[in-house]
PDB file of N, CA and C in Angstrom:
ATOM      1  N   MET A   1       0.771  -1.048  -0.041  1.00  0.00           N
ATOM      2  CA  MET A   1      -0.079   0.387  -0.091  1.00  0.00           C
ATOM      3  C   MET A   1       0.905   0.976   0.118  1.00  0.00           C
ATOM      4  N   GLU A   2       0.137   2.259  -0.113  1.00  0.00           N
ATOM      5  CA  GLU A   2       1.186   4.082  -0.793  1.00  0.00           C
ATOM      6  C   GLU A   2       1.089   4.479   0.088  1.00  0.00           C
ATOM      7  N   LYS A   3       2.423   5.098   1.022  1.00  0.00           N
ATOM      8  CA  LYS A   3       2.475   5.714   1.759  1.00  0.00           C
ATOM      9  C   LYS A   3       2.359   7.075   1.766  1.00  0.00           C
ATOM     10  N   ARG A   4       1.525   7.656   2.765  1.00  0.00           N
ATOM     11  CA  ARG A   4       1.156   8.911   2.404  1.00  0.00           C
ATOM     12  C   ARG A   4       2.052   9.851   3.347  1.00  0.00           C
ATOM     13  N   LYS A   5       2.020  11.641   3.624  1.00  0.00           N
ATOM     14  CA  LYS A   5       2.611  11.906   4.113  1.00  0.00           C
ATOM     15  C   LYS A   5       1.889  12.565   5.375  1.00  0.00           C
ATOM     16  N   PHE A   6       2.367  12.309   6.235  1.00  0.00           N
ATOM     17  CA  PHE A   6       1.398  12.792   7.676  1.00  0.00           C
ATOM     18  C   PHE A   6       1.864  13.893   8.573  1.00  0.00           C
ATOM     19  N   TYR A   7       1.406  14.894   9.364  1.00  0.00           N
ATOM     20  CA  TYR A   7       2.364  15.615   9.941  1.00  0.00           C
ATOM     21  C   TYR A   7       1.902  15.267  11.900  1.00  0.00           C
ATOM     22  N   VAL A   8       2.713  14.819  12.916  1.00  0.00           N
ATOM     23  CA  VAL A   8       2.852  14.827  13.934  1.00  0.00           C
ATOM     24  C   VAL A   8       3.388  15.430  15.085  1.00  0.00           C
ATOM     25  N   ASN A   9       2.852  15.684  16.173  1.00  0.00           N
ATOM     26  CA  ASN A   9       2.890  15.782  16.853  1.00  0.00           C
ATOM     27  C   ASN A   9       2.720  15.488  18.414  1.00  0.00           C
ATOM     28  N   VAL A  10       3.943  15.661  19.363  1.00  0.00           N
ATOM     29  CA  VAL A  10       3.656  14.038  20.236  1.00  0.00           C
ATOM     30  C   VAL A  10       2.970  14.655  21.531  1.00  0.00           C
ATOM     31  N   GLU A  11       3.220  15.980  21.527  1.00  0.00           N
ATOM     32  CA  GLU A  11       2.767  16.479  23.234  1.00  0.00           C
ATOM     33  C   GLU A  11       1.536  16.222  22.704  1.00  0.00           C
ATOM     34  N   SER A  12       0.953  16.989  21.762  1.00  0.00           N
ATOM     35  CA  SER A  12      -1.049  16.907  21.206  1.00  0.00           C
ATOM     36  C   SER A  12      -1.370  15.705  21.558  1.00  0.00           C
ATOM     37  N   ARG A  13      -0.181  14.809  20.825  1.00  0.00           N
ATOM     38  CA  ARG A  13      -0.464  13.580  20.036  1.00  0.00           C
ATOM     39  C   ARG A  13      -1.796  13.717  19.200  1.00  0.00           C
ATOM     40  N   GLU A  14      -1.338  13.899  18.054  1.00  0.00           N
ATOM     41  CA  GLU A  14      -2.407  14.550  17.215  1.00  0.00           C
ATOM     42  C   GLU A  14      -1.411  14.400  15.758  1.00  0.00           C
ATOM     43  N   ILE A  15      -2.188  13.440  14.683  1.00  0.00           N
ATOM     44  CA  ILE A  15      -1.324  12.981  13.308  1.00  0.00           C
ATOM     45  C   ILE A  15      -2.705  13.442  12.496  1.00  0.00           C
ATOM     46  N   SER A  16      -1.551  14.761  11.146  1.00  0.00           N
ATOM     47  CA  SER A  16      -2.743  14.766  10.783  1.00  0.00           C
ATOM     48  C   SER A  16      -2.301  14.996   9.164  1.00  0.00           C
ATOM     49  N   GLU A  17      -2.994  15.011   8.673  1.00  0.00           N
ATOM     50  CA  GLU A  17      -2.293  15.197   6.965  1.00  0.00           C
ATOM     51  C   GLU A  17      -2.445  16.483   6.477  1.00  0.00           C
ATOM     52  N   LEU A  18      -3.346  17.299   7.411  1.00  0.00           N
ATOM     53  CA  LEU A  18      -3.050  18.498   6.888  1.00  0.00           C
ATOM     54  C   LEU A  18      -2.226  19.261   8.041  1.00  0.00           C
ATOM     55  N   LYS A  19      -0.856  20.183   7.222  1.00  0.00           N
ATOM     56  CA  LYS A  19      -0.549  21.176   8.015  1.00  0.00           C
ATOM     57  C   LYS A  19      -1.165  21.907   9.122  1.00  0.00           C
ATOM     58  N   ALA A  20      -1.465  22.551  10.542  1.00  0.00           N
ATOM     59  CA  ALA A  20      -1.938  23.287  11.171  1.00  0.00           C
ATOM     60  C   ALA A  20      -1.536  23.600  12.225  1.00  0.00           C
ATOM     61  N   GLY A  21      -1.588  25.060  12.409  1.00  0.00           N
ATOM     62  CA  GLY A  21      -0.635  25.198  13.452  1.00  0.00           C
ATOM     63  C   GLY A  21       0.455  25.060  13.920  1.00  0.00           C
ATOM     64  N   ASN A  22       0.649  23.801  15.169  1.00  0.00           N
ATOM     65  CA  ASN A  22       1.834  23.722  15.709  1.00  0.00           C
ATOM     66  C   ASN A  22       2.388  22.323  15.110  1.00  0.00           C
ATOM     67  N   ASN A  23       1.666  21.241  14.735  1.00  0.00           N
ATOM     68  CA  ASN A  23       1.249  19.949  14.202  1.00  0.00           C
ATOM     69  C   ASN A  23       2.221  19.034  13.665  1.00  0.00           C
ATOM     70  N   ASP A  24       3.127  20.258  13.009  1.00  0.00           N
ATOM     71  CA  ASP A  24       4.416  19.403  12.357  1.00  0.00           C
ATOM     72  C   ASP A  24       5.839  19.044  13.493  1.00  0.00           C
ATOM     73  N   GLU A  25       5.152  18.967  14.363  1.00  0.00           N
ATOM     74  CA  GLU A  25       7.115  18.394  15.277  1.00  0.00           C
ATOM     75  C   GLU A  25       7.416  17.380  14.339  1.00  0.00           C
ATOM     76  N   PHE A  26       6.941  16.388  13.651  1.00  0.00           N
ATOM     77  CA  PHE A  26       7.838  15.744  12.757  1.00  0.00           C
ATOM     78  C   PHE A  26       6.966  15.340  11.676  1.00  0.00           C
ATOM     79  N   ILE A  27       7.390  15.249  10.919  1.00  0.00           N
ATOM     80  CA  ILE A  27       6.967  14.711   9.458  1.00  0.00           C
ATOM     81  C   ILE A  27       7.219  13.365   9.070  1.00  0.00           C
ATOM     82  N   ILE A  28       6.204  12.288   8.724  1.00  0.00           N
ATOM     83  CA  ILE A  28       6.603  11.060   8.765  1.00  0.00           C
ATOM     84  C   ILE A  28       5.461  10.455   7.607  1.00  0.00           C
ATOM     85  N   TYR A  29       6.087   9.697   6.714  1.00  0.00           N
ATOM     86  CA  TYR A  29       5.123   8.978   5.599  1.00  0.00           C
ATOM     87  C   TYR A  29       4.797   7.542   6.296  1.00  0.00           C
ATOM     88  N   GLY A  30       3.538   6.956   6.245  1.00  0.00           N
ATOM     89  CA  GLY A  30       2.967   5.776   6.475  1.00  0.00           C
ATOM     90  C   GLY A  30       1.785   5.347   6.069  1.00  0.00           C
ATOM     91  N   THR A  31       1.697   3.845   5.808  1.00  0.00           N
ATOM     92  CA  THR A  31       0.574   3.727   5.327  1.00  0.00           C
ATOM     93  C   THR A  31      -1.190   3.401   6.324  1.00  0.00           C
ATOM     94  N   PRO A  32      -2.204   3.358   5.732  1.00  0.00           N
ATOM     95  CA  PRO A  32      -3.273   3.627   6.940  1.00  0.00           C
ATOM     96  C   PRO A  32      -3.034   2.668   8.172  1.00  0.00           C
ATOM     97  N   GLU A  33      -2.537   1.773   7.610  1.00  0.00           N
ATOM     98  CA  GLU A  33      -2.250   0.644   8.865  1.00  0.00           C
ATOM     99  C   GLU A  33      -0.838   0.958  10.193  1.00  0.00           C
ATOM    100  N   GLN A  34      -0.074   1.355   9.150  1.00  0.00           N
ATOM    101  CA  GLN A  34       1.271   2.154  10.312  1.00  0.00           C
ATOM    102  C   GLN A  34       0.744   3.800  11.550  1.00  0.00           C
ATOM    103  N   ILE A  35      -0.495   4.587  10.548  1.00  0.00           N
ATOM    104  CA  ILE A  35      -0.673   5.082  11.292  1.00  0.00           C
ATOM    105  C   ILE A  35      -1.856   4.859  12.335  1.00  0.00           C
ATOM    106  N   ILE A  36      -2.328   3.697  11.556  1.00  0.00           N
ATOM    107  CA  ILE A  36      -3.384   3.222  12.796  1.00  0.00           C
ATOM    108  C   ILE A  36      -2.671   2.796  13.985  1.00  0.00           C
ATOM    109  N   GLU A  37      -1.543   2.457  14.096  1.00  0.00           N
ATOM    110  CA  GLU A  37      -1.383   1.559  15.103  1.00  0.00           C
ATOM    111  C   GLU A  37      -0.004   2.624  15.567  1.00  0.00           C
ATOM    112  N   LEU A  38       0.113   3.832  15.058  1.00  0.00           N
ATOM    113  CA  LEU A  38       0.575   5.071  15.771  1.00  0.00           C
ATOM    114  C   LEU A  38      -0.518   5.389  16.635  1.00  0.00           C
ATOM    115  N   ARG A  39      -1.462   5.747  15.988  1.00  0.00           N
ATOM    116  CA  ARG A  39      -2.934   6.360  16.913  1.00  0.00           C
ATOM    117  C   ARG A  39      -2.795   5.484  18.273  1.00  0.00           C
ATOM    118  N   GLU A  40      -2.903   4.040  18.026  1.00  0.00           N
ATOM    119  CA  GLU A  40      -3.638   2.952  18.630  1.00  0.00           C
ATOM    120  C   GLU A  40      -2.469   3.264  20.247  1.00  0.00           C
ATOM    121  N   CYS A  41      -0.868   3.942  19.597  1.00  0.00           N
ATOM    122  CA  CYS A  41       0.167   4.569  20.984  1.00  0.00           C
ATOM    123  C   CYS A  41      -0.251   5.578  21.371  1.00  0.00           C
ATOM    124  N   PHE A  42      -0.867   6.203  20.960  1.00  0.00           N
ATOM    125  CA  PHE A  42      -1.315   7.264  21.525  1.00  0.00           C
ATOM    126  C   PHE A  42      -2.591   7.280  22.428  1.00  0.00           C
ATOM    127  N   GLU A  43      -3.435   6.607  22.295  1.00  0.00           N
ATOM    128  CA  GLU A  43      -4.447   5.978  22.731  1.00  0.00           C
ATOM    129  C   GLU A  43      -4.212   5.324  24.327  1.00  0.00           C
ATOM    130  N   ASP A  44      -3.084   4.446  23.683  1.00  0.00           N
ATOM    131  CA  ASP A  44      -2.353   3.815  25.197  1.00  0.00           C
ATOM    132  C   ASP A  44      -1.470   4.670  25.850  1.00  0.00           C
ATOM    133  N   MET A  45      -1.297   5.753  25.884  1.00  0.00           N
ATOM    134  CA  MET A  45      -0.327   6.407  26.160  1.00  0.00           C
ATOM    135  C   MET A  45      -1.184   7.623  27.146  1.00  0.00           C
ATOM    136  N   GLU A  46      -2.663   8.018  26.463  1.00  0.00           N
ATOM    137  CA  GLU A  46      -3.761   8.843  26.928  1.00  0.00           C
ATOM    138  C   GLU A  46      -3.869   7.691  28.277  1.00  0.00           C
ATOM    139  N   HIS A  47      -4.212   6.727  28.175  1.00  0.00           N
ATOM    140  CA  HIS A  47      -4.760   5.448  28.927  1.00  0.00           C
ATOM    141  C   HIS A  47      -4.330   5.237  30.462  1.00  0.00           C
ATOM    142  N   ALA A  48      -2.526   4.969  30.126  1.00  0.00           N
ATOM    143  CA  ALA A  48      -1.283   5.247  30.961  1.00  0.00           C
ATOM    144  C   ALA A  48      -1.104   6.919  31.970  1.00  0.00           C
ATOM    145  N   ASP A  49      -1.546   7.743  30.687  1.00  0.00           N
ATOM    146  CA  ASP A  49      -1.372   8.971  31.813  1.00  0.00           C
ATOM    147  C   ASP A  49      -2.864   8.947  31.913  1.00  0.00           C
ATOM    148  N   MET A  50      -4.068   8.844  32.056  1.00  0.00           N
ATOM    149  CA  MET A  50      -5.143   8.555  33.124  1.00  0.00           C
ATOM    150  C   MET A  50      -4.951   7.859  34.284  1.00  0.00           C
ATOM    151  N   GLY A  51      -3.964   6.798  34.320  1.00  0.00           N
ATOM    152  CA  GLY A  51      -3.824   5.607  35.249  1.00  0.00           C
ATOM    153  C   GLY A  51      -2.608   6.417  36.621  1.00  0.00           C
ATOM    154  N   THR A  52      -1.751   7.434  35.779  1.00  0.00           N
ATOM    155  CA  THR A  52      -1.601   7.747  36.432  1.00  0.00           C
ATOM    156  C   THR A  52      -1.355   9.023  37.289  1.00  0.00           C
ATOM    157  N   PHE A  53      -2.580   9.559  37.154  1.00  0.00           N
ATOM    158  CA  PHE A  53      -2.708  11.087  37.771  1.00  0.00           C
ATOM    159  C   PHE A  53      -3.996  10.373  38.513  1.00  0.00           C
ATOM    160  N   TRP A  54      -4.790   8.904  38.522  1.00  0.00           N
ATOM    161  CA  TRP A  54      -4.970   8.884  39.503  1.00  0.00           C
ATOM    162  C   TRP A  54      -4.029   8.559  40.553  1.00  0.00           C
ATOM    163  N   ARG A  55      -3.004   7.993  40.188  1.00  0.00           N
ATOM    164  CA  ARG A  55      -1.649   7.350  41.461  1.00  0.00           C
ATOM    165  C   ARG A  55      -1.513   8.684  41.899  1.00  0.00           C
ATOM    166  N   SER A  56      -1.037   9.875  41.348  1.00  0.00           N
ATOM    167  CA  SER A  56      -0.962  11.208  41.949  1.00  0.00           C
ATOM    168  C   SER A  56      -1.647  11.736  43.170  1.00  0.00           C
ATOM    169  N   HIS A  57      -2.792  10.749  43.336  1.00  0.00           N
ATOM    170  CA  HIS A  57      -3.929  11.513  44.404  1.00  0.00           C
ATOM    171  C   HIS A  57      -3.699  10.524  45.527  1.00  0.00           C
ATOM    172  N   MET A  58      -2.425   9.051  45.063  1.00  0.00           N
ATOM    173  CA  MET A  58      -2.721   7.946  46.047  1.00  0.00           C
ATOM    174  C   MET A  58      -1.011   8.068  46.864  1.00  0.00           C
ATOM    175  N   PRO A  59      -1.027   9.064  48.019  1.00  0.00           N
ATOM    176  CA  PRO A  59       0.109   9.463  48.600  1.00  0.00           C
ATOM    177  C   PRO A  59       1.564   7.927  48.719  1.00  0.00           C
ATOM    178  N   PHE A  60       0.315   6.789  49.030  1.00  0.00           N
ATOM    179  CA  PHE A  60       1.125   5.643  49.446  1.00  0.00           C
ATOM    180  C   PHE A  60       1.670   4.930  48.216  1.00  0.00           C
ATOM    181  N   LYS A  61       1.260   4.633  47.200  1.00  0.00           N
ATOM    182  CA  LYS A  61       2.204   4.561  46.183  1.00  0.00           C
ATOM    183  C   LYS A  61       2.693   4.974  45.572  1.00  0.00           C
ATOM    184  N   GLU A  62       4.117   4.414  45.471  1.00  0.00           N
ATOM    185  CA  GLU A  62       5.163   5.118  45.090  1.00  0.00           C
ATOM    186  C   GLU A  62       5.255   4.980  43.756  1.00  0.00           C
ATOM    187  N   TYR A  63       6.057   6.334  43.438  1.00  0.00           N
ATOM    188  CA  TYR A  63       6.306   6.562  41.494  1.00  0.00           C
ATOM    189  C   TYR A  63       7.098   5.390  40.824  1.00  0.00           C
ATOM    190  N   HIS A  64       7.732   4.808  41.768  1.00  0.00           N
ATOM    191  CA  HIS A  64       8.564   4.140  40.833  1.00  0.00           C
ATOM    192  C   HIS A  64       8.400   2.671  40.813  1.00  0.00           C
ATOM    193  N   ARG A  65       6.958   2.830  41.284  1.00  0.00           N
ATOM    194  CA  ARG A  65       6.302   1.366  41.668  1.00  0.00           C
ATOM    195  C   ARG A  65       4.722   1.564  40.966  1.00  0.00           C
ATOM    196  N   ASP A  66       4.925   1.957  40.143  1.00  0.00           N
ATOM    197  CA  ASP A  66       3.614   2.264  39.359  1.00  0.00           C
ATOM    198  C   ASP A  66       3.281   2.249  37.858  1.00  0.00           C
ATOM    199  N   GLU A  67       2.781   1.149  37.267  1.00  0.00           N
ATOM    200  CA  GLU A  67       2.786   0.345  35.998  1.00  0.00           C
ATOM    201  C   GLU A  67       2.125   1.654  35.503  1.00  0.00           C
ATOM    202  N   ASP A  68       1.693   2.336  35.754  1.00  0.00           N
ATOM    203  CA  ASP A  68       0.720   3.267  34.838  1.00  0.00           C
ATOM    204  C   ASP A  68       2.314   3.725  34.174  1.00  0.00           C
ATOM    205  N   ASN A  69       3.133   4.307  35.033  1.00  0.00           N
ATOM    206  CA  ASN A  69       4.007   4.939  34.896  1.00  0.00           C
ATOM    207  C   ASN A  69       4.902   4.116  33.993  1.00  0.00           C
ATOM    208  N   ASP A  70       4.929   2.732  33.899  1.00  0.00           N
ATOM    209  CA  ASP A  70       5.727   2.390  33.426  1.00  0.00           C
ATOM    210  C   ASP A  70       5.455   2.295  31.718  1.00  0.00           C
ATOM    211  N   GLU A  71       4.362   1.891  31.593  1.00  0.00           N
ATOM    212  CA  GLU A  71       3.435   1.794  30.530  1.00  0.00           C
ATOM    213  C   GLU A  71       3.224   2.995  29.803  1.00  0.00           C
ATOM    214  N   PHE A  72       3.370   4.191  30.214  1.00  0.00           N
ATOM    215  CA  PHE A  72       3.408   5.286  29.705  1.00  0.00           C
ATOM    216  C   PHE A  72       4.951   5.643  28.770  1.00  0.00           C
ATOM    217  N   ASP A  73       6.098   5.080  29.770  1.00  0.00           N
ATOM    218  CA  ASP A  73       7.380   5.478  29.282  1.00  0.00           C
ATOM    219  C   ASP A  73       7.366   4.336  28.301  1.00  0.00           C
ATOM    220  N   GLN A  74       6.748   2.605  28.111  1.00  0.00           N
ATOM    221  CA  GLN A  74       7.197   2.016  27.064  1.00  0.00           C
ATOM    222  C   GLN A  74       6.125   2.695  25.665  1.00  0.00           C
ATOM    223  N   CYS A  75       5.049   3.447  25.696  1.00  0.00           N
ATOM    224  CA  CYS A  75       4.277   4.142  24.827  1.00  0.00           C
ATOM    225  C   CYS A  75       5.188   4.921  23.971  1.00  0.00           C
ATOM    226  N   LEU A  76       5.751   5.537  25.221  1.00  0.00           N
ATOM    227  CA  LEU A  76       6.499   6.870  24.621  1.00  0.00           C
ATOM    228  C   LEU A  76       7.654   6.195  23.358  1.00  0.00           C
ATOM    229  N   LEU A  77       8.326   5.793  24.264  1.00  0.00           N
ATOM    230  CA  LEU A  77       9.135   4.912  23.259  1.00  0.00           C
ATOM    231  C   LEU A  77       9.042   4.144  21.904  1.00  0.00           C
ATOM    232  N   LYS A  78       7.674   3.287  22.225  1.00  0.00           N
ATOM    233  CA  LYS A  78       7.508   3.212  20.933  1.00  0.00           C
ATOM    234  C   LYS A  78       6.750   4.297  19.939  1.00  0.00           C
ATOM    235  N   VAL A  79       5.866   5.144  19.928  1.00  0.00           N
ATOM    236  CA  VAL A  79       6.115   6.308  19.191  1.00  0.00           C
ATOM    237  C   VAL A  79       7.263   6.826  18.682  1.00  0.00           C
ATOM    238  N   TYR A  80       8.288   7.149  19.583  1.00  0.00           N
ATOM    239  CA  TYR A  80       9.484   7.624  19.010  1.00  0.00           C
ATOM    240  C   TYR A  80      10.413   6.525  17.730  1.00  0.00           C
ATOM    241  N   LYS A  81      10.031   5.478  18.097  1.00  0.00           N
ATOM    242  CA  LYS A  81      10.436   4.099  18.080  1.00  0.00           C
ATOM    243  C   LYS A  81      10.013   4.235  16.164  1.00  0.00           C
ATOM    244  N   MET A  82       8.773   4.558  16.221  1.00  0.00           N
ATOM    245  CA  MET A  82       7.878   4.725  14.894  1.00  0.00           C
ATOM    246  C   MET A  82       8.082   5.564  14.051  1.00  0.00           C
ATOM    247  N   ILE A  83       7.891   6.981  14.813  1.00  0.00           N
ATOM    248  CA  ILE A  83       8.613   8.469  14.186  1.00  0.00           C
ATOM    249  C   ILE A  83      10.006   7.789  13.491  1.00  0.00           C
ATOM    250  N   HIS A  84      11.048   7.267  14.064  1.00  0.00           N
ATOM    251  CA  HIS A  84      12.387   7.199  13.578  1.00  0.00           C
ATOM    252  C   HIS A  84      12.109   6.379  12.260  1.00  0.00           C
ATOM    253  N   ASP A  85      11.322   5.755  12.741  1.00  0.00           N
ATOM    254  CA  ASP A  85      11.143   4.377  11.372  1.00  0.00           C
ATOM    255  C   ASP A  85      10.641   4.901  10.166  1.00  0.00           C
ATOM    256  N   LEU A  86       9.591   5.600  10.465  1.00  0.00           N
ATOM    257  CA  LEU A  86       8.594   6.410   9.127  1.00  0.00           C
ATOM    258  C   LEU A  86       8.558   7.812   8.805  1.00  0.00           C
ATOM    259  N   GLY A  87       9.572   8.301   9.632  1.00  0.00           N
ATOM    260  CA  GLY A  87      10.280  10.163   9.078  1.00  0.00           C
ATOM    261  C   GLY A  87      10.750  10.492   8.337  1.00  0.00           C
ATOM    262  N   ASP A  88      11.214  11.679   8.024  1.00  0.00           N
ATOM    263  CA  ASP A  88      11.830  12.126   7.048  1.00  0.00           C
ATOM    264  C   ASP A  88      13.043  12.627   7.946  1.00  0.00           C
ATOM    265  N   GLU A  89      14.219  12.423   7.329  1.00  0.00           N
ATOM    266  CA  GLU A  89      15.710  12.839   7.332  1.00  0.00           C
ATOM    267  C   GLU A  89      15.673  13.425   8.848  1.00  0.00           C
ATOM    268  N   ASN A  90      14.652  14.573   9.248  1.00  0.00           N
ATOM    269  CA  ASN A  90      14.269  15.576   9.863  1.00  0.00           C
ATOM    270  C   ASN A  90      14.485  14.771  11.100  1.00  0.00           C
ATOM    271  N   ALA A  91      13.051  14.413  11.196  1.00  0.00           N
ATOM    272  CA  ALA A  91      12.522  13.108  11.931  1.00  0.00           C
ATOM    273  C   ALA A  91      13.566  12.451  13.094  1.00  0.00           C
ATOM    274  N   LYS A  92      14.311  11.520  11.702  1.00  0.00           N
ATOM    275  CA  LYS A  92      15.242  10.629  12.316  1.00  0.00           C
ATOM    276  C   LYS A  92      16.266  11.187  12.983  1.00  0.00           C
ATOM    277  N   GLN A  93      17.042  12.567  12.608  1.00  0.00           N
ATOM    278  CA  GLN A  93      18.149  13.274  13.016  1.00  0.00           C
ATOM    279  C   GLN A  93      17.827  13.517  14.166  1.00  0.00           C
ATOM    280  N   HIS A  94      16.531  14.407  14.472  1.00  0.00           N
ATOM    281  CA  HIS A  94      15.787  14.551  15.905  1.00  0.00           C
ATOM    282  C   HIS A  94      15.840  13.570  16.718  1.00  0.00           C
ATOM    283  N   VAL A  95      15.123  12.583  16.763  1.00  0.00           N
ATOM    284  CA  VAL A  95      15.119  11.027  17.566  1.00  0.00           C
ATOM    285  C   VAL A  95      16.383  10.176  17.544  1.00  0.00           C
ATOM    286  N   GLU A  96      17.345  10.717  17.120  1.00  0.00           N
ATOM    287  CA  GLU A  96      18.744  10.048  17.207  1.00  0.00           C
ATOM    288  C   GLU A  96      19.025  11.034  18.062  1.00  0.00           C
ATOM    289  N   GLN A  97      19.295  12.091  18.403  1.00  0.00           N
ATOM    290  CA  GLN A  97      19.803  13.116  18.874  1.00  0.00           C
ATOM    291  C   GLN A  97      19.262  13.153  21.237  1.00  0.00           C
ATOM    292  N   MET A  98      18.272  12.110  20.996  1.00  0.00           N
ATOM    293  CA  MET A  98      17.383  12.166  21.862  1.00  0.00           C
ATOM    294  C   MET A  98      18.192  11.079  23.180  1.00  0.00           C
ATOM    295  N   PRO A  99      18.116  11.102  23.966  1.00  0.00           N
ATOM    296  CA  PRO A  99      19.244  10.657  25.042  1.00  0.00           C
ATOM    297  C   PRO A  99      18.652   8.821  25.536  1.00  0.00           C
ATOM    298  N   PHE A 100      17.387   8.709  24.999  1.00  0.00           N
ATOM    299  CA  PHE A 100      16.882   7.101  24.954  1.00  0.00           C
ATOM    300  C   PHE A 100      16.968   6.683  23.986  1.00  0.00           C
ATOM    301  N   TYR A 101      17.266   7.491  22.466  1.00  0.00           N
ATOM    302  CA  TYR A 101      17.395   6.412  21.330  1.00  0.00           C
ATOM    303  C   TYR A 101      18.028   4.974  20.908  1.00  0.00           C
ATOM    304  N   ASP A 102      19.016   5.171  21.802  1.00  0.00           N
ATOM    305  CA  ASP A 102      19.774   3.449  22.281  1.00  0.00           C
ATOM    306  C   ASP A 102      18.689   2.327  22.517  1.00  0.00           C
ATOM    307  N   GLU A 103      17.471   3.325  23.863  1.00  0.00           N
ATOM    308  CA  GLU A 103      16.795   1.863  24.531  1.00  0.00           C
ATOM    309  C   GLU A 103      15.478   1.624  23.243  1.00  0.00           C
ATOM    310  N   LEU A 104      15.455   2.233  21.784  1.00  0.00           N
ATOM    311  CA  LEU A 104      14.705   2.257  20.615  1.00  0.00           C
ATOM    312  C   LEU A 104      14.755   1.074  19.880  1.00  0.00           C
ATOM    313  N   ASN A 105      16.560   1.095  19.591  1.00  0.00           N
ATOM    314  CA  ASN A 105      16.186  -0.313  19.474  1.00  0.00           C
ATOM    315  C   ASN A 105      15.801  -1.932  20.277  1.00  0.00           C
ATOM    316  N   LYS A 106      16.636  -2.116  21.234  1.00  0.00           N
ATOM    317  CA  LYS A 106      15.465  -2.737  22.515  1.00  0.00           C
ATOM    318  C   LYS A 106      14.154  -3.654  21.988  1.00  0.00           C
ATOM    319  N   LEU A 107      13.431  -2.503  21.523  1.00  0.00           N
ATOM    320  CA  LEU A 107      11.785  -2.422  21.023  1.00  0.00           C
ATOM    321  C   LEU A 107      12.029  -3.850  20.154  1.00  0.00           C
ATOM    322  N   ASP A 108      10.652  -4.311  20.240  1.00  0.00           N
ATOM    323  CA  ASP A 108      10.464  -5.946  19.217  1.00  0.00           C
ATOM    324  C   ASP A 108       9.607  -4.407  18.142  1.00  0.00           C
TER     325      ASP A 108
END
């Protein structure tokens, strides 16, 4: 299937074929299936983010023993791996400069 151009903003978790505002943090090229997978990663991040919000209201549960936090981190790594794999040269270079870049190669 033919790949199409998309604009991605990780912070707002936006994926769009149209450039608008600041949604062009990264430019990627993907098939509909790849974009669905990326959207699912953003949805998983949203779910984990909500879990960390609720955990923050329970002072007896330690941050470093929070499964939702771990899930959020794993989702974020997967998002950046996909951006690196599907991104244009600028996106690839940007991700390669991130301190956790070596961790991306450990993902399946």
